[in-house]
Amino acid sequence: MSAKVCIHRNQINNSLPQKDITVCQDCIKTGDSWVSLRQCLTCGHVGCCDSSKNKHATQHFKSTKHPIMKSVTPGEEFMWCYIDEVYL
């Protein structure tokens, strides 16, 4: 059995727009809080993690199909491909 590999690295945008990566704007709009934050590496959208009530980062993936996100929470350093279900 071979290890899973992400084939979507070519969709990482190395010149993401400058955005506020310290809040989940979607949670701010609804008055909710979040646990950790994830940034889409295709467009820069910042959403809350799956441990948060609203799971805005995953909702963003489901609506856009942008495959890779990274944690922007201090102390967390990882990237995840939703499609291939693998850490990068």
C-alpha atoms as a PDB file:
ATOM      1  CA  MET A   1       0.000   0.000   0.000  1.00  0.00           C
ATOM      2  CA  SER A   2       1.465   3.357  -1.012  1.00  0.00           C
ATOM      3  CA  ALA A   3       1.250   6.582   0.983  1.00  0.00           C
ATOM      4  CA  LYS A   4      -1.305   9.175  -0.080  1.00  0.00           C
ATOM      5  CA  VAL A   5       0.086  12.111  -2.025  1.00  0.00           C
ATOM      6  CA  CYS A   6      -1.418  15.505  -2.784  1.00  0.00           C
ATOM      7  CA  ILE A   7      -1.622  16.240  -6.491  1.00  0.00           C
ATOM      8  CA  HIS A   8      -3.045  19.761  -6.012  1.00  0.00           C
ATOM      9  CA  ARG A   9       0.093  21.649  -4.944  1.00  0.00           C
ATOM     10  CA  ASN A  10       0.009  23.495  -8.279  1.00  0.00           C
ATOM     11  CA  GLN A  11      -3.089  25.329  -7.005  1.00  0.00           C
ATOM     12  CA  ILE A  12      -1.201  27.025  -4.174  1.00  0.00           C
ATOM     13  CA  ASN A  13      -1.143  30.762  -4.833  1.00  0.00           C
ATOM     14  CA  ASN A  14       2.205  32.135  -3.646  1.00  0.00           C
ATOM     15  CA  SER A  15       0.978  35.728  -3.912  1.00  0.00           C
ATOM     16  CA  LEU A  16      -2.183  35.610  -1.804  1.00  0.00           C
ATOM     17  CA  PRO A  17      -3.965  38.910  -1.205  1.00  0.00           C
ATOM     18  CA  GLN A  18      -3.186  40.530   2.151  1.00  0.00           C
ATOM     19  CA  LYS A  19      -6.108  39.765   4.437  1.00  0.00           C
ATOM     20  CA  ASP A  20      -6.751  39.761   8.162  1.00  0.00           C
ATOM     21  CA  ILE A  21      -5.757  36.262   9.236  1.00  0.00           C
ATOM     22  CA  THR A  22      -6.533  36.833  12.920  1.00  0.00           C
ATOM     23  CA  VAL A  23     -10.319  36.431  12.747  1.00  0.00           C
ATOM     24  CA  CYS A  24     -12.962  34.378  11.003  1.00  0.00           C
ATOM     25  CA  GLN A  25     -14.933  37.063   9.161  1.00  0.00           C
ATOM     26  CA  ASP A  26     -17.861  34.665   8.689  1.00  0.00           C
ATOM     27  CA  CYS A  27     -18.089  34.112  12.473  1.00  0.00           C
ATOM     28  CA  ILE A  28     -17.791  37.860  13.088  1.00  0.00           C
ATOM     29  CA  LYS A  29     -20.817  38.418  10.830  1.00  0.00           C
ATOM     30  CA  THR A  30     -22.925  35.937  12.813  1.00  0.00           C
ATOM     31  CA  GLY A  31     -21.602  36.861  16.251  1.00  0.00           C
ATOM     32  CA  ASP A  32     -20.047  33.424  16.818  1.00  0.00           C
ATOM     33  CA  SER A  33     -16.608  32.483  18.101  1.00  0.00           C
ATOM     34  CA  TRP A  34     -14.031  30.061  16.729  1.00  0.00           C
ATOM     35  CA  VAL A  35     -11.333  27.680  17.966  1.00  0.00           C
ATOM     36  CA  SER A  36      -8.609  27.864  15.292  1.00  0.00           C
ATOM     37  CA  LEU A  37      -8.240  29.490  11.880  1.00  0.00           C
ATOM     38  CA  ARG A  38      -7.427  28.084   8.443  1.00  0.00           C
ATOM     39  CA  GLN A  39      -6.451  30.002   5.287  1.00  0.00           C
ATOM     40  CA  CYS A  40      -7.306  28.848   1.784  1.00  0.00           C
ATOM     41  CA  LEU A  41      -4.092  28.717  -0.227  1.00  0.00           C
ATOM     42  CA  THR A  42      -5.906  29.378  -3.501  1.00  0.00           C
ATOM     43  CA  CYS A  43      -7.720  32.633  -2.676  1.00  0.00           C
ATOM     44  CA  GLY A  44      -6.677  33.593   0.871  1.00  0.00           C
ATOM     45  CA  HIS A  45     -10.092  33.180   2.532  1.00  0.00           C
ATOM     46  CA  VAL A  46      -9.751  32.678   6.299  1.00  0.00           C
ATOM     47  CA  GLY A  47     -12.288  30.472   8.043  1.00  0.00           C
ATOM     48  CA  CYS A  48     -12.680  28.627  11.310  1.00  0.00           C
ATOM     49  CA  CYS A  49     -11.567  25.016  11.777  1.00  0.00           C
ATOM     50  CA  ASP A  50     -13.701  21.890  12.094  1.00  0.00           C
ATOM     51  CA  SER A  51     -13.464  22.069  15.905  1.00  0.00           C
ATOM     52  CA  SER A  52     -15.407  25.343  15.659  1.00  0.00           C
ATOM     53  CA  LYS A  53     -19.201  25.432  15.601  1.00  0.00           C
ATOM     54  CA  ASN A  54     -19.537  26.653  11.995  1.00  0.00           C
ATOM     55  CA  LYS A  55     -16.590  24.957  10.236  1.00  0.00           C
ATOM     56  CA  HIS A  56     -16.260  27.880   7.820  1.00  0.00           C
ATOM     57  CA  ALA A  57     -12.959  26.682   6.298  1.00  0.00           C
ATOM     58  CA  THR A  58     -14.548  23.372   5.265  1.00  0.00           C
ATOM     59  CA  GLN A  59     -17.670  25.186   4.066  1.00  0.00           C
ATOM     60  CA  HIS A  60     -15.409  27.353   1.895  1.00  0.00           C
ATOM     61  CA  PHE A  61     -13.812  24.242   0.387  1.00  0.00           C
ATOM     62  CA  LYS A  62     -17.221  22.679  -0.299  1.00  0.00           C
ATOM     63  CA  SER A  63     -18.470  25.794  -2.090  1.00  0.00           C
ATOM     64  CA  THR A  64     -15.292  26.619  -4.050  1.00  0.00           C
ATOM     65  CA  LYS A  65     -13.425  23.291  -4.361  1.00  0.00           C
ATOM     66  CA  HIS A  66     -10.185  25.144  -3.467  1.00  0.00           C
ATOM     67  CA  PRO A  67      -8.227  22.094  -2.281  1.00  0.00           C
ATOM     68  CA  ILE A  68      -5.486  23.216   0.125  1.00  0.00           C
ATOM     69  CA  MET A  69      -5.573  25.165   3.360  1.00  0.00           C
ATOM     70  CA  LYS A  70      -3.028  25.969   6.037  1.00  0.00           C
ATOM     71  CA  SER A  71      -3.384  26.712   9.700  1.00  0.00           C
ATOM     72  CA  VAL A  72      -2.863  30.376  10.578  1.00  0.00           C
ATOM     73  CA  THR A  73      -3.244  29.797  14.293  1.00  0.00           C
ATOM     74  CA  PRO A  74      -0.032  30.619  16.213  1.00  0.00           C
ATOM     75  CA  GLY A  75       1.755  27.430  17.242  1.00  0.00           C
ATOM     76  CA  GLU A  76       0.139  25.319  14.505  1.00  0.00           C
ATOM     77  CA  GLU A  77       2.072  24.694  11.312  1.00  0.00           C
ATOM     78  CA  PHE A  78       0.448  22.397   8.797  1.00  0.00           C
ATOM     79  CA  MET A  79      -1.277  22.319   5.434  1.00  0.00           C
ATOM     80  CA  TRP A  80      -4.146  19.993   4.468  1.00  0.00           C
ATOM     81  CA  CYS A  81      -5.526  18.911   1.108  1.00  0.00           C
ATOM     82  CA  TYR A  82      -9.275  18.368   1.385  1.00  0.00           C
ATOM     83  CA  ILE A  83      -9.476  16.395  -1.855  1.00  0.00           C
ATOM     84  CA  ASP A  84      -6.598  13.982  -1.286  1.00  0.00           C
ATOM     85  CA  GLU A  85      -7.177  13.950   2.501  1.00  0.00           C
ATOM     86  CA  VAL A  86      -3.482  14.291   3.281  1.00  0.00           C
ATOM     87  CA  TYR A  87      -1.229  16.651   5.236  1.00  0.00           C
ATOM     88  CA  LEU A  88       1.431  18.389   3.196  1.00  0.00           C
END
